[in-house]
Amino acid sequence: MANVEVSTNGGATWNTASVGAGVWTYSLNTTSLIDGNNTIQVRAIDAAGNVQSAITSLTLKVDNTLPSVNHALSGTAGSNGWYVSAVTMTLAANDSGSGIASRTLDGAPYTAPVIASSQGSTTHTYFATDNVGNISAIQTFTLKIDTVKPTSSINTVSGIISGTVTLRCADSDASSVVASVLVST
């Protein structure tokens, strides 16, 4: 065998492979191929110039496309982007080429919805990997949970009052901030 040629486009063009001691190698850059099934053809040429009559072919399934992944949150929505209950975090991923190998949420394998109940604002990171190792863009979201009701107290006024009196109150909220205090007379 003097020469081996490889075609990735149905024989329109042929590229020379490296030949040595009866073994040949060819470095195939799959980014030049379309995603999906691609036929690779190979033919040998001897020292006299005779070309192999029965071309050998191989079908390769190529997947160079990154998987897609998104998140969904479910819980009781409060005001200003806060949840007032525990929140279920769900990841959904898709890859039409080789399929999804794994999903990752906050650095850990994601296999089922995760329930978050930590008070306050937390940031979460996620991504997906397909079966050939393509990794989606890393995405983040902020989750704000406040299930603790705020408190307020009013100063004590003793004696009989008249005219305008200033009332002072103290308020607190462990996770978010007190948005307003209403006084009823």
Protein backbone atom coordinates (compact mmCIF):
# COMPACT_ATOMS: atom_id res chain seq x y z
CA MET A 1 0.00 0.00 0.00
CA ALA A 2 1.62 3.22 -1.15
CA ASN A 3 -1.12 5.65 -0.28
CA VAL A 4 -4.47 5.86 1.53
CA GLU A 5 -6.98 8.61 0.85
CA VAL A 6 -9.98 9.71 2.93
CA SER A 7 -13.08 11.57 1.77
CA THR A 8 -15.69 13.23 3.99
CA ASN A 9 -17.85 14.59 1.17
CA GLY A 10 -18.94 11.60 -0.90
CA GLY A 11 -15.72 11.34 -2.90
CA ALA A 12 -15.75 14.90 -4.27
CA THR A 13 -12.35 15.49 -2.67
CA TRP A 14 -9.77 13.07 -1.24
CA ASN A 15 -7.24 13.78 1.52
CA THR A 16 -4.05 11.78 2.03
CA ALA A 17 -3.70 9.75 5.21
CA SER A 18 -0.38 8.92 6.91
CA VAL A 19 0.80 5.43 5.97
CA GLY A 20 3.43 3.36 7.72
CA ALA A 21 4.12 -0.40 8.00
CA GLY A 22 0.66 -1.44 6.80
CA VAL A 23 -1.18 0.92 9.16
CA TRP A 24 -2.63 4.29 8.24
CA THR A 25 -3.87 7.21 10.34
CA TYR A 26 -5.92 10.26 9.51
CA SER A 27 -6.76 13.14 11.85
CA LEU A 28 -10.41 14.07 11.29
CA ASN A 29 -11.60 17.46 12.54
CA THR A 30 -15.32 16.87 13.10
CA THR A 31 -16.10 20.59 13.34
CA SER A 32 -16.03 20.69 9.54
CA LEU A 33 -18.81 18.08 9.41
CA ILE A 34 -22.52 18.53 9.96
CA ASP A 35 -24.12 17.26 13.14
CA GLY A 36 -25.73 13.88 12.57
CA ASN A 37 -24.64 10.99 10.35
CA ASN A 38 -21.60 11.51 8.11
CA THR A 39 -20.15 8.94 5.75
CA ILE A 40 -16.36 8.67 5.69
CA GLN A 41 -14.89 6.91 2.65
CA VAL A 42 -11.42 5.34 2.41
CA ARG A 43 -9.51 4.01 -0.60
CA ALA A 44 -6.03 2.53 -0.99
CA ILE A 45 -3.66 3.22 -3.87
CA ASP A 46 -0.72 0.91 -4.55
CA ALA A 47 2.77 1.87 -5.80
CA ALA A 48 1.71 1.17 -9.42
CA GLY A 49 -1.17 3.69 -9.13
CA ASN A 50 -3.98 1.13 -8.94
CA VAL A 51 -6.93 2.52 -6.94
CA GLN A 52 -8.99 0.23 -4.72
CA SER A 53 -12.19 -0.55 -6.63
CA ALA A 54 -14.48 -1.22 -3.65
CA ILE A 55 -14.30 1.90 -1.50
CA THR A 56 -14.58 1.24 2.22
CA SER A 57 -16.99 3.46 4.11
CA LEU A 58 -17.88 4.15 7.69
CA THR A 59 -20.80 6.17 9.06
CA LEU A 60 -19.99 8.42 12.01
CA LYS A 61 -22.57 10.25 14.06
CA VAL A 62 -21.22 13.73 14.86
CA ASP A 63 -22.39 15.96 17.71
CA ASN A 64 -20.57 19.29 18.02
CA THR A 65 -23.59 21.22 19.31
CA LEU A 66 -23.76 22.20 22.97
CA PRO A 67 -26.71 20.89 24.94
CA SER A 68 -29.31 23.35 26.19
CA VAL A 69 -30.46 23.56 29.80
CA ASN A 70 -32.89 25.73 31.73
CA HIS A 71 -34.30 25.96 35.23
CA ALA A 72 -37.77 26.31 36.70
CA LEU A 73 -38.75 27.38 40.19
CA SER A 74 -42.00 26.54 41.94
CA GLY A 75 -43.16 27.83 45.30
CA THR A 76 -45.41 30.49 46.75
CA ALA A 77 -44.41 33.83 45.28
CA GLY A 78 -44.31 36.85 47.56
CA SER A 79 -43.46 40.42 46.56
CA ASN A 80 -40.38 41.83 44.82
CA GLY A 81 -39.08 38.47 43.58
CA TRP A 82 -39.18 36.78 47.01
CA TYR A 83 -40.71 33.37 47.71
CA VAL A 84 -42.59 32.92 50.98
CA SER A 85 -42.33 29.12 50.98
CA ALA A 86 -39.77 26.44 50.24
CA VAL A 87 -38.97 26.37 46.51
CA THR A 88 -38.58 23.38 44.21
CA MET A 89 -35.73 23.85 41.72
CA THR A 90 -36.01 21.82 38.52
CA LEU A 91 -33.53 21.50 35.63
CA ALA A 92 -34.50 20.44 32.11
CA ALA A 93 -31.86 19.70 29.47
CA ASN A 94 -31.98 18.77 25.79
CA ASP A 95 -29.45 17.54 23.25
CA SER A 96 -30.65 16.29 19.88
CA GLY A 97 -27.25 14.87 18.92
CA SER A 98 -25.91 12.37 21.43
CA GLY A 99 -28.36 12.94 24.30
CA ILE A 100 -27.84 14.22 27.83
CA ALA A 101 -25.23 12.50 30.01
CA SER A 102 -25.64 14.65 33.13
CA ARG A 103 -26.94 17.83 34.67
CA THR A 104 -25.15 19.67 37.45
CA LEU A 105 -26.66 22.05 40.02
CA ASP A 106 -24.38 23.91 42.44
CA GLY A 107 -21.48 21.57 41.69
CA ALA A 108 -23.41 18.37 42.46
CA PRO A 109 -25.04 15.85 40.11
CA TYR A 110 -28.69 16.72 39.50
CA THR A 111 -30.97 13.69 39.24
CA ALA A 112 -34.28 14.97 40.62
CA PRO A 113 -35.91 18.25 41.66
CA VAL A 114 -34.24 19.89 44.67
CA ILE A 115 -36.16 21.64 47.45
CA ALA A 116 -34.53 24.82 48.76
CA SER A 117 -35.63 26.34 52.06
CA SER A 118 -32.63 28.40 53.20
CA GLN A 119 -33.69 31.88 54.25
CA GLY A 120 -32.27 34.82 52.35
CA SER A 121 -30.82 35.33 48.90
CA THR A 122 -28.77 32.52 47.36
CA THR A 123 -27.11 32.15 43.96
CA HIS A 124 -27.28 28.85 42.09
CA THR A 125 -25.20 27.64 39.13
CA TYR A 126 -26.08 24.89 36.66
CA PHE A 127 -25.09 23.31 33.36
CA ALA A 128 -25.56 20.13 31.29
CA THR A 129 -23.13 17.75 29.60
CA ASP A 130 -24.02 15.59 26.59
CA ASN A 131 -22.84 12.05 25.87
CA VAL A 132 -19.78 13.15 23.89
CA GLY A 133 -18.62 15.69 26.48
CA ASN A 134 -20.03 18.94 25.08
CA ILE A 135 -20.88 21.25 28.01
CA SER A 136 -23.63 23.85 27.87
CA ALA A 137 -23.06 27.44 28.87
CA ILE A 138 -22.88 27.77 32.65
CA GLN A 139 -25.93 29.64 33.90
CA THR A 140 -26.84 31.21 37.23
CA PHE A 141 -29.98 32.40 38.98
CA THR A 142 -30.71 34.07 42.31
CA LEU A 143 -33.29 32.59 44.64
CA LYS A 144 -34.77 34.68 47.44
CA ILE A 145 -36.71 32.90 50.22
CA ASP A 146 -38.29 34.54 53.28
CA THR A 147 -40.78 32.37 55.16
CA VAL A 148 -40.42 34.21 58.48
CA LYS A 149 -42.99 36.91 59.11
CA PRO A 150 -41.59 40.29 60.18
CA THR A 151 -42.13 41.68 63.66
CA SER A 152 -42.81 45.17 64.95
CA SER A 153 -43.38 46.74 68.31
CA ILE A 154 -44.56 50.17 69.38
CA ASN A 155 -43.27 52.22 72.28
CA THR A 156 -45.45 52.43 75.36
CA VAL A 157 -47.15 55.71 76.07
CA SER A 158 -48.26 56.12 79.66
CA GLY A 159 -50.77 58.51 81.05
CA ILE A 160 -53.33 60.59 79.27
CA ILE A 161 -52.23 62.16 76.00
CA SER A 162 -53.40 65.14 74.07
CA GLY A 163 -52.44 66.81 70.78
CA THR A 164 -49.83 65.27 68.52
CA VAL A 165 -47.82 62.39 69.89
CA THR A 166 -44.84 60.74 68.18
CA LEU A 167 -45.01 56.97 68.26
CA ARG A 168 -41.87 54.99 67.74
CA CYS A 169 -41.71 51.42 66.58
CA ALA A 170 -39.05 48.81 66.05
CA ASP A 171 -39.32 46.38 63.18
CA SER A 172 -37.24 43.49 61.95
CA ASP A 173 -37.17 40.76 59.35
CA ALA A 174 -34.61 37.98 59.38
CA SER A 175 -34.28 37.52 55.60
CA SER A 176 -35.62 40.41 53.57
CA VAL A 177 -36.34 43.90 54.85
CA VAL A 178 -39.55 45.29 56.31
CA ALA A 179 -41.23 47.04 53.40
CA SER A 180 -43.81 48.96 55.42
CA VAL A 181 -45.46 49.25 58.82
CA LEU A 182 -49.13 50.16 58.93
CA VAL A 183 -50.71 51.92 61.90
CA SER A 184 -54.40 51.66 62.54
CA THR A 185 -56.32 53.99 64.83
